[in-house]
């Protein structure tokens, strides 16, 4: 598992965050055949951005918890901006991925305005 050995700035999480594009789409329900694109924004983060420093704290906390307490100790409550959640269908899945919290997505759009 790369999270055990990779620092934040060597991680897949950072690789995805450093250049990111968000598309806000109006959700019209399950099986909707149309969607309205509301807004598109992109950001190029730097290692010294304040928000990235805070996300690094989340990553390091989750990584240290994984190393010291094991996989079972991870919960969706860990992290202010990102969280480690079940990857794919839940209930018994043994894989986790980093997900942006709603507050993080909102912050991205605030920064981009």
C-alpha atoms as a PDB file:
ATOM      1  CA  UNK A   1       0.000   0.000   0.000  1.00  0.00           C
ATOM      2  CA  UNK A   2       1.667   3.217  -1.198  1.00  0.00           C
ATOM      3  CA  UNK A   3       0.074   5.323   1.564  1.00  0.00           C
ATOM      4  CA  UNK A   4       2.238   3.500   4.095  1.00  0.00           C
ATOM      5  CA  UNK A   5       5.481   4.596   2.471  1.00  0.00           C
ATOM      6  CA  UNK A   6       4.719   7.747   0.470  1.00  0.00           C
ATOM      7  CA  UNK A   7       4.818  11.199   1.981  1.00  0.00           C
ATOM      8  CA  UNK A   8       1.993  13.518   0.976  1.00  0.00           C
ATOM      9  CA  UNK A   9       3.991  15.192  -1.802  1.00  0.00           C
ATOM     10  CA  UNK A  10       4.890  11.750  -3.222  1.00  0.00           C
ATOM     11  CA  UNK A  11       1.320  10.479  -3.005  1.00  0.00           C
ATOM     12  CA  UNK A  12      -1.350   9.765  -5.588  1.00  0.00           C
ATOM     13  CA  UNK A  13      -3.577  12.117  -3.577  1.00  0.00           C
ATOM     14  CA  UNK A  14      -1.198  15.064  -4.208  1.00  0.00           C
ATOM     15  CA  UNK A  15      -0.782  14.110  -7.869  1.00  0.00           C
ATOM     16  CA  UNK A  16      -4.544  14.462  -8.313  1.00  0.00           C
ATOM     17  CA  UNK A  17      -4.839  17.654  -6.266  1.00  0.00           C
ATOM     18  CA  UNK A  18      -2.019  19.763  -7.664  1.00  0.00           C
ATOM     19  CA  UNK A  19      -3.898  20.371 -10.898  1.00  0.00           C
ATOM     20  CA  UNK A  20      -7.598  19.866 -10.497  1.00  0.00           C
ATOM     21  CA  UNK A  21     -10.716  20.594 -12.519  1.00  0.00           C
ATOM     22  CA  UNK A  22     -14.137  20.704 -10.865  1.00  0.00           C
ATOM     23  CA  UNK A  23     -17.374  20.626 -12.816  1.00  0.00           C
ATOM     24  CA  UNK A  24     -20.560  21.524 -10.970  1.00  0.00           C
ATOM     25  CA  UNK A  25     -23.511  19.764 -12.547  1.00  0.00           C
ATOM     26  CA  UNK A  26     -27.180  20.073 -11.664  1.00  0.00           C
ATOM     27  CA  UNK A  27     -28.384  16.668 -10.540  1.00  0.00           C
ATOM     28  CA  UNK A  28     -31.828  15.783 -11.814  1.00  0.00           C
ATOM     29  CA  UNK A  29     -32.233  12.415 -10.120  1.00  0.00           C
ATOM     30  CA  UNK A  30     -31.361   8.825 -10.796  1.00  0.00           C
ATOM     31  CA  UNK A  31     -31.404   7.810 -14.461  1.00  0.00           C
ATOM     32  CA  UNK A  32     -31.819  11.385 -15.642  1.00  0.00           C
ATOM     33  CA  UNK A  33     -30.964  11.725 -19.309  1.00  0.00           C
ATOM     34  CA  UNK A  34     -29.949  15.374 -19.077  1.00  0.00           C
ATOM     35  CA  UNK A  35     -27.761  17.445 -16.789  1.00  0.00           C
ATOM     36  CA  UNK A  36     -26.984  21.134 -16.747  1.00  0.00           C
ATOM     37  CA  UNK A  37     -23.348  22.188 -16.405  1.00  0.00           C
ATOM     38  CA  UNK A  38     -23.406  24.961 -13.810  1.00  0.00           C
ATOM     39  CA  UNK A  39     -19.752  25.873 -13.444  1.00  0.00           C
ATOM     40  CA  UNK A  40     -16.253  24.686 -14.322  1.00  0.00           C
ATOM     41  CA  UNK A  41     -13.215  25.748 -12.376  1.00  0.00           C
ATOM     42  CA  UNK A  42      -9.594  24.651 -12.263  1.00  0.00           C
ATOM     43  CA  UNK A  43      -6.832  25.308  -9.794  1.00  0.00           C
ATOM     44  CA  UNK A  44      -3.106  24.771  -9.834  1.00  0.00           C
ATOM     45  CA  UNK A  45      -2.097  24.260  -6.220  1.00  0.00           C
ATOM     46  CA  UNK A  46       1.413  24.846  -4.920  1.00  0.00           C
ATOM     47  CA  UNK A  47       3.023  22.997  -2.025  1.00  0.00           C
ATOM     48  CA  UNK A  48       3.026  26.163   0.091  1.00  0.00           C
ATOM     49  CA  UNK A  49      -0.689  27.023  -0.334  1.00  0.00           C
ATOM     50  CA  UNK A  50      -2.396  27.240   3.067  1.00  0.00           C
ATOM     51  CA  UNK A  51      -5.199  24.904   2.025  1.00  0.00           C
ATOM     52  CA  UNK A  52      -2.695  22.319   0.777  1.00  0.00           C
ATOM     53  CA  UNK A  53      -0.833  22.532   4.093  1.00  0.00           C
ATOM     54  CA  UNK A  54      -4.097  21.732   5.885  1.00  0.00           C
ATOM     55  CA  UNK A  55      -4.837  18.848   3.514  1.00  0.00           C
ATOM     56  CA  UNK A  56      -1.333  17.528   4.159  1.00  0.00           C
ATOM     57  CA  UNK A  57      -2.175  17.495   7.880  1.00  0.00           C
ATOM     58  CA  UNK A  58      -5.247  15.365   7.099  1.00  0.00           C
ATOM     59  CA  UNK A  59      -3.196  13.006   4.912  1.00  0.00           C
ATOM     60  CA  UNK A  60      -0.467  12.662   7.529  1.00  0.00           C
ATOM     61  CA  UNK A  61      -3.021  12.021  10.293  1.00  0.00           C
ATOM     62  CA  UNK A  62      -4.782   9.314   8.272  1.00  0.00           C
ATOM     63  CA  UNK A  63      -1.474   7.788   7.173  1.00  0.00           C
ATOM     64  CA  UNK A  64      -0.120   7.698  10.736  1.00  0.00           C
ATOM     65  CA  UNK A  65      -3.366   6.182  12.003  1.00  0.00           C
ATOM     66  CA  UNK A  66      -3.113   3.481   9.338  1.00  0.00           C
ATOM     67  CA  UNK A  67       0.514   2.728  10.217  1.00  0.00           C
ATOM     68  CA  UNK A  68       0.062   2.728  14.002  1.00  0.00           C
ATOM     69  CA  UNK A  69      -3.475   1.385  14.477  1.00  0.00           C
ATOM     70  CA  UNK A  70      -4.158  -0.575  11.316  1.00  0.00           C
ATOM     71  CA  UNK A  71      -6.650  -0.540   8.489  1.00  0.00           C
ATOM     72  CA  UNK A  72      -9.661  -1.224  10.699  1.00  0.00           C
ATOM     73  CA  UNK A  73      -9.046   1.990  12.677  1.00  0.00           C
ATOM     74  CA  UNK A  74      -9.720   4.237   9.667  1.00  0.00           C
ATOM     75  CA  UNK A  75     -13.087   5.978   9.666  1.00  0.00           C
ATOM     76  CA  UNK A  76     -14.835   8.523   7.471  1.00  0.00           C
ATOM     77  CA  UNK A  77     -14.666  10.945  10.414  1.00  0.00           C
ATOM     78  CA  UNK A  78     -10.891  11.391  10.073  1.00  0.00           C
ATOM     79  CA  UNK A  79      -9.735  14.574   8.340  1.00  0.00           C
ATOM     80  CA  UNK A  80     -11.044  18.117   7.952  1.00  0.00           C
ATOM     81  CA  UNK A  81     -10.759  18.436   4.147  1.00  0.00           C
ATOM     82  CA  UNK A  82     -10.202  14.856   2.957  1.00  0.00           C
ATOM     83  CA  UNK A  83     -11.226  11.504   4.362  1.00  0.00           C
ATOM     84  CA  UNK A  84     -10.386   7.851   3.776  1.00  0.00           C
ATOM     85  CA  UNK A  85     -13.593   6.097   2.785  1.00  0.00           C
ATOM     86  CA  UNK A  86     -14.555   2.758   1.358  1.00  0.00           C
ATOM     87  CA  UNK A  87     -13.542   2.524  -2.269  1.00  0.00           C
ATOM     88  CA  UNK A  88     -16.367   1.156  -4.324  1.00  0.00           C
ATOM     89  CA  UNK A  89     -19.329  -0.595  -2.721  1.00  0.00           C
ATOM     90  CA  UNK A  90     -19.191  -0.525   1.070  1.00  0.00           C
ATOM     91  CA  UNK A  91     -20.123  -3.141   3.628  1.00  0.00           C
ATOM     92  CA  UNK A  92     -17.113  -5.412   3.765  1.00  0.00           C
ATOM     93  CA  UNK A  93     -14.854  -3.684   1.253  1.00  0.00           C
ATOM     94  CA  UNK A  94     -11.237  -3.779   2.334  1.00  0.00           C
ATOM     95  CA  UNK A  95      -9.986  -0.945   0.137  1.00  0.00           C
ATOM     96  CA  UNK A  96     -10.003   2.769   0.906  1.00  0.00           C
ATOM     97  CA  UNK A  97      -9.538   5.913  -1.151  1.00  0.00           C
ATOM     98  CA  UNK A  98      -9.201   9.573  -0.299  1.00  0.00           C
ATOM     99  CA  UNK A  99     -12.340  11.605  -0.916  1.00  0.00           C
ATOM    100  CA  UNK A 100     -12.847  15.357  -0.808  1.00  0.00           C
ATOM    101  CA  UNK A 101     -15.285  16.435   1.872  1.00  0.00           C
ATOM    102  CA  UNK A 102     -18.181  18.696   0.893  1.00  0.00           C
ATOM    103  CA  UNK A 103     -16.507  21.626   2.678  1.00  0.00           C
ATOM    104  CA  UNK A 104     -13.401  21.120   0.525  1.00  0.00           C
ATOM    105  CA  UNK A 105     -15.384  21.191  -2.712  1.00  0.00           C
ATOM    106  CA  UNK A 106     -17.153  24.351  -1.529  1.00  0.00           C
ATOM    107  CA  UNK A 107     -13.778  25.918  -0.657  1.00  0.00           C
ATOM    108  CA  UNK A 108     -12.453  25.126  -4.148  1.00  0.00           C
ATOM    109  CA  UNK A 109     -15.298  27.101  -5.718  1.00  0.00           C
ATOM    110  CA  UNK A 110     -14.795  29.983  -3.276  1.00  0.00           C
ATOM    111  CA  UNK A 111     -11.096  30.160  -4.151  1.00  0.00           C
ATOM    112  CA  UNK A 112     -11.813  30.020  -7.874  1.00  0.00           C
ATOM    113  CA  UNK A 113     -14.235  32.971  -7.873  1.00  0.00           C
END
